[in-house]
Amino acid sequence: QVQLVESGGGLVQAGGSLRLSCAASESLSSIHAMAWYRQPPGKQRGLVAALTRGGVTNYADSVKGRFTISRDNTKNTVYLQMTSLKPEDTAVYYCAASRTYGTSYGYWGQGTQVTVSS
């Protein structure tokens, strides 16, 4: 059972930056992929960015060039650096883990709210 704890959300003005953190309860080397999802108000949850154990990244088109997913294996932590934030980035952001290649993201954090004011 992988436990994930997000932090770093908050209120920021449009054009600003935030860094989200996701601390995992076990070594990232034992996890195939980590990802950030978000759920805007009244909308479905969708993928923002993903990072595999091998270092492959994947981003939603809406955040390419603005968001960066990274990890610190010494801290078992994954980050989402968000820059040039827009009001439409407002959402609850969730960290997720997929332990094995070919399986879905079966482990989720509790979510952290990001609100971008115009």
C-alpha atoms as a PDB file:
ATOM      1  CA  GLN A   1       0.000   0.000   0.000  1.00  0.00           C
ATOM      2  CA  VAL A   2       1.560   3.268  -1.146  1.00  0.00           C
ATOM      3  CA  GLN A   3       0.543   6.310   0.850  1.00  0.00           C
ATOM      4  CA  LEU A   4       0.777   9.706  -0.793  1.00  0.00           C
ATOM      5  CA  VAL A   5       0.611  13.098   0.885  1.00  0.00           C
ATOM      6  CA  GLU A   6       0.350  16.285  -1.169  1.00  0.00           C
ATOM      7  CA  SER A   7       1.261  19.766  -0.037  1.00  0.00           C
ATOM      8  CA  GLY A   8       1.959  23.184  -1.491  1.00  0.00           C
ATOM      9  CA  GLY A   9      -1.422  24.273  -2.753  1.00  0.00           C
ATOM     10  CA  GLY A  10      -2.858  27.700  -2.123  1.00  0.00           C
ATOM     11  CA  LEU A  11      -4.104  30.942  -3.601  1.00  0.00           C
ATOM     12  CA  VAL A  12      -2.007  32.704  -6.219  1.00  0.00           C
ATOM     13  CA  GLN A  13      -2.565  35.491  -8.717  1.00  0.00           C
ATOM     14  CA  ALA A  14      -2.624  34.810 -12.438  1.00  0.00           C
ATOM     15  CA  GLY A  15       0.913  34.732 -13.799  1.00  0.00           C
ATOM     16  CA  GLY A  16       2.310  33.466 -10.522  1.00  0.00           C
ATOM     17  CA  SER A  17       3.952  30.187  -9.577  1.00  0.00           C
ATOM     18  CA  LEU A  18       3.437  27.371  -7.113  1.00  0.00           C
ATOM     19  CA  ARG A  19       5.243  24.128  -6.391  1.00  0.00           C
ATOM     20  CA  LEU A  20       3.286  21.102  -5.272  1.00  0.00           C
ATOM     21  CA  SER A  21       4.941  18.244  -3.427  1.00  0.00           C
ATOM     22  CA  CYS A  22       3.885  14.626  -3.087  1.00  0.00           C
ATOM     23  CA  ALA A  23       5.627  12.528  -0.458  1.00  0.00           C
ATOM     24  CA  ALA A  24       5.405   8.766  -0.940  1.00  0.00           C
ATOM     25  CA  SER A  25       5.565   6.249   1.888  1.00  0.00           C
ATOM     26  CA  GLU A  26       8.084   4.102   0.049  1.00  0.00           C
ATOM     27  CA  SER A  27      10.976   4.381  -2.322  1.00  0.00           C
ATOM     28  CA  LEU A  28      10.121   5.820  -5.721  1.00  0.00           C
ATOM     29  CA  SER A  29      12.338   3.139  -7.253  1.00  0.00           C
ATOM     30  CA  SER A  30       9.642   0.589  -6.349  1.00  0.00           C
ATOM     31  CA  ILE A  31       6.941   2.557  -8.184  1.00  0.00           C
ATOM     32  CA  HIS A  32       6.549   2.416 -11.965  1.00  0.00           C
ATOM     33  CA  ALA A  33       5.040   5.860 -12.451  1.00  0.00           C
ATOM     34  CA  MET A  34       3.924   8.920 -10.533  1.00  0.00           C
ATOM     35  CA  ALA A  35       1.443  11.448 -11.794  1.00  0.00           C
ATOM     36  CA  TRP A  36      -0.438  14.614 -11.010  1.00  0.00           C
ATOM     37  CA  TYR A  37      -4.122  14.861 -11.831  1.00  0.00           C
ATOM     38  CA  ARG A  38      -6.495  17.746 -11.293  1.00  0.00           C
ATOM     39  CA  GLN A  39     -10.219  18.200 -10.943  1.00  0.00           C
ATOM     40  CA  PRO A  40     -11.587  21.677 -11.689  1.00  0.00           C
ATOM     41  CA  PRO A  41     -14.914  22.687 -10.095  1.00  0.00           C
ATOM     42  CA  GLY A  42     -17.765  20.836 -11.749  1.00  0.00           C
ATOM     43  CA  LYS A  43     -15.482  18.917 -14.104  1.00  0.00           C
ATOM     44  CA  GLN A  44     -13.923  15.487 -14.300  1.00  0.00           C
ATOM     45  CA  ARG A  45     -10.478  14.638 -13.047  1.00  0.00           C
ATOM     46  CA  GLY A  46      -7.812  14.661 -15.730  1.00  0.00           C
ATOM     47  CA  LEU A  47      -4.117  13.960 -16.114  1.00  0.00           C
ATOM     48  CA  VAL A  48      -1.784  16.925 -15.752  1.00  0.00           C
ATOM     49  CA  ALA A  49       1.645  15.306 -15.836  1.00  0.00           C
ATOM     50  CA  ALA A  50       3.271  11.912 -15.364  1.00  0.00           C
ATOM     51  CA  LEU A  51       6.784  10.671 -14.722  1.00  0.00           C
ATOM     52  CA  THR A  52       7.933   7.073 -15.034  1.00  0.00           C
ATOM     53  CA  ARG A  53      10.654   5.390 -13.061  1.00  0.00           C
ATOM     54  CA  GLY A  54      12.759   5.529 -16.204  1.00  0.00           C
ATOM     55  CA  GLY A  55      12.387   9.284 -16.472  1.00  0.00           C
ATOM     56  CA  VAL A  56       9.811   9.513 -19.248  1.00  0.00           C
ATOM     57  CA  THR A  57       7.437  12.437 -18.843  1.00  0.00           C
ATOM     58  CA  ASN A  58       4.012  13.176 -20.261  1.00  0.00           C
ATOM     59  CA  TYR A  59       2.055  16.422 -20.021  1.00  0.00           C
ATOM     60  CA  ALA A  60      -1.437  17.570 -20.828  1.00  0.00           C
ATOM     61  CA  ASP A  61      -1.379  19.963 -23.768  1.00  0.00           C
ATOM     62  CA  SER A  62      -2.852  22.727 -21.609  1.00  0.00           C
ATOM     63  CA  VAL A  63       0.180  22.777 -19.291  1.00  0.00           C
ATOM     64  CA  LYS A  64       3.063  22.062 -21.659  1.00  0.00           C
ATOM     65  CA  GLY A  65       5.788  24.656 -21.294  1.00  0.00           C
ATOM     66  CA  ARG A  66       4.348  25.914 -18.000  1.00  0.00           C
ATOM     67  CA  PHE A  67       4.395  22.927 -15.639  1.00  0.00           C
ATOM     68  CA  THR A  68       7.285  20.588 -14.832  1.00  0.00           C
ATOM     69  CA  ILE A  69       7.108  17.266 -13.030  1.00  0.00           C
ATOM     70  CA  SER A  70      10.232  16.097 -11.240  1.00  0.00           C
ATOM     71  CA  ARG A  71      11.328  13.879  -8.366  1.00  0.00           C
ATOM     72  CA  ASP A  72      13.816  13.632  -5.544  1.00  0.00           C
ATOM     73  CA  ASN A  73      14.506   9.965  -4.926  1.00  0.00           C
ATOM     74  CA  THR A  74      16.360  10.732  -1.698  1.00  0.00           C
ATOM     75  CA  LYS A  75      13.157  12.214  -0.276  1.00  0.00           C
ATOM     76  CA  ASN A  76      10.670   9.859  -1.994  1.00  0.00           C
ATOM     77  CA  THR A  77       8.990  13.013  -3.253  1.00  0.00           C
ATOM     78  CA  VAL A  78       7.550  14.097  -6.576  1.00  0.00           C
ATOM     79  CA  TYR A  79       7.048  17.741  -7.436  1.00  0.00           C
ATOM     80  CA  LEU A  80       4.897  19.736  -9.804  1.00  0.00           C
ATOM     81  CA  GLN A  81       6.370  23.133 -10.539  1.00  0.00           C
ATOM     82  CA  MET A  82       3.654  25.361 -11.955  1.00  0.00           C
ATOM     83  CA  THR A  83       4.469  28.684 -13.605  1.00  0.00           C
ATOM     84  CA  SER A  84       2.489  31.262 -15.568  1.00  0.00           C
ATOM     85  CA  LEU A  85      -0.617  30.115 -13.766  1.00  0.00           C
ATOM     86  CA  LYS A  86      -4.016  30.906 -15.232  1.00  0.00           C
ATOM     87  CA  PRO A  87      -7.460  31.043 -13.626  1.00  0.00           C
ATOM     88  CA  GLU A  88      -8.355  27.892 -15.552  1.00  0.00           C
ATOM     89  CA  ASP A  89      -5.646  26.028 -13.613  1.00  0.00           C
ATOM     90  CA  THR A  90      -7.859  26.333 -10.537  1.00  0.00           C
ATOM     91  CA  ALA A  91      -8.568  22.803  -9.313  1.00  0.00           C
ATOM     92  CA  VAL A  92      -7.944  20.222  -6.666  1.00  0.00           C
ATOM     93  CA  TYR A  93      -4.629  18.597  -7.550  1.00  0.00           C
ATOM     94  CA  TYR A  94      -4.071  14.935  -6.758  1.00  0.00           C
ATOM     95  CA  CYS A  95      -0.925  12.874  -6.686  1.00  0.00           C
ATOM     96  CA  ALA A  96      -1.186   9.295  -7.945  1.00  0.00           C
ATOM     97  CA  ALA A  97       1.027   6.240  -8.191  1.00  0.00           C
ATOM     98  CA  SER A  98       1.086   3.206 -10.458  1.00  0.00           C
ATOM     99  CA  ARG A  99       3.187   0.471  -8.932  1.00  0.00           C
ATOM    100  CA  THR A 100       3.493  -1.746 -11.976  1.00  0.00           C
ATOM    101  CA  TYR A 101       3.835  -1.155 -15.705  1.00  0.00           C
ATOM    102  CA  GLY A 102       0.514  -1.613 -17.466  1.00  0.00           C
ATOM    103  CA  THR A 103      -1.643  -0.989 -14.418  1.00  0.00           C
ATOM    104  CA  SER A 104      -3.739   2.023 -13.619  1.00  0.00           C
ATOM    105  CA  TYR A 105      -2.963   4.612 -10.978  1.00  0.00           C
ATOM    106  CA  GLY A 106      -4.261   2.752  -7.965  1.00  0.00           C
ATOM    107  CA  TYR A 107      -2.888   4.910  -5.183  1.00  0.00           C
ATOM    108  CA  TRP A 108      -4.054   8.470  -4.582  1.00  0.00           C
ATOM    109  CA  GLY A 109      -3.365  11.306  -2.230  1.00  0.00           C
ATOM    110  CA  GLN A 110      -6.022  13.381  -0.522  1.00  0.00           C
ATOM    111  CA  GLY A 111      -5.645  16.331  -2.890  1.00  0.00           C
ATOM    112  CA  THR A 112      -4.552  19.909  -2.482  1.00  0.00           C
ATOM    113  CA  GLN A 113      -6.483  22.981  -3.614  1.00  0.00           C
ATOM    114  CA  VAL A 114      -4.921  25.406  -6.078  1.00  0.00           C
ATOM    115  CA  THR A 115      -6.816  28.621  -6.730  1.00  0.00           C
ATOM    116  CA  VAL A 116      -5.631  31.128  -9.320  1.00  0.00           C
ATOM    117  CA  SER A 117      -7.233  34.548  -9.148  1.00  0.00           C
ATOM    118  CA  SER A 118      -7.537  36.833 -12.160  1.00  0.00           C
END
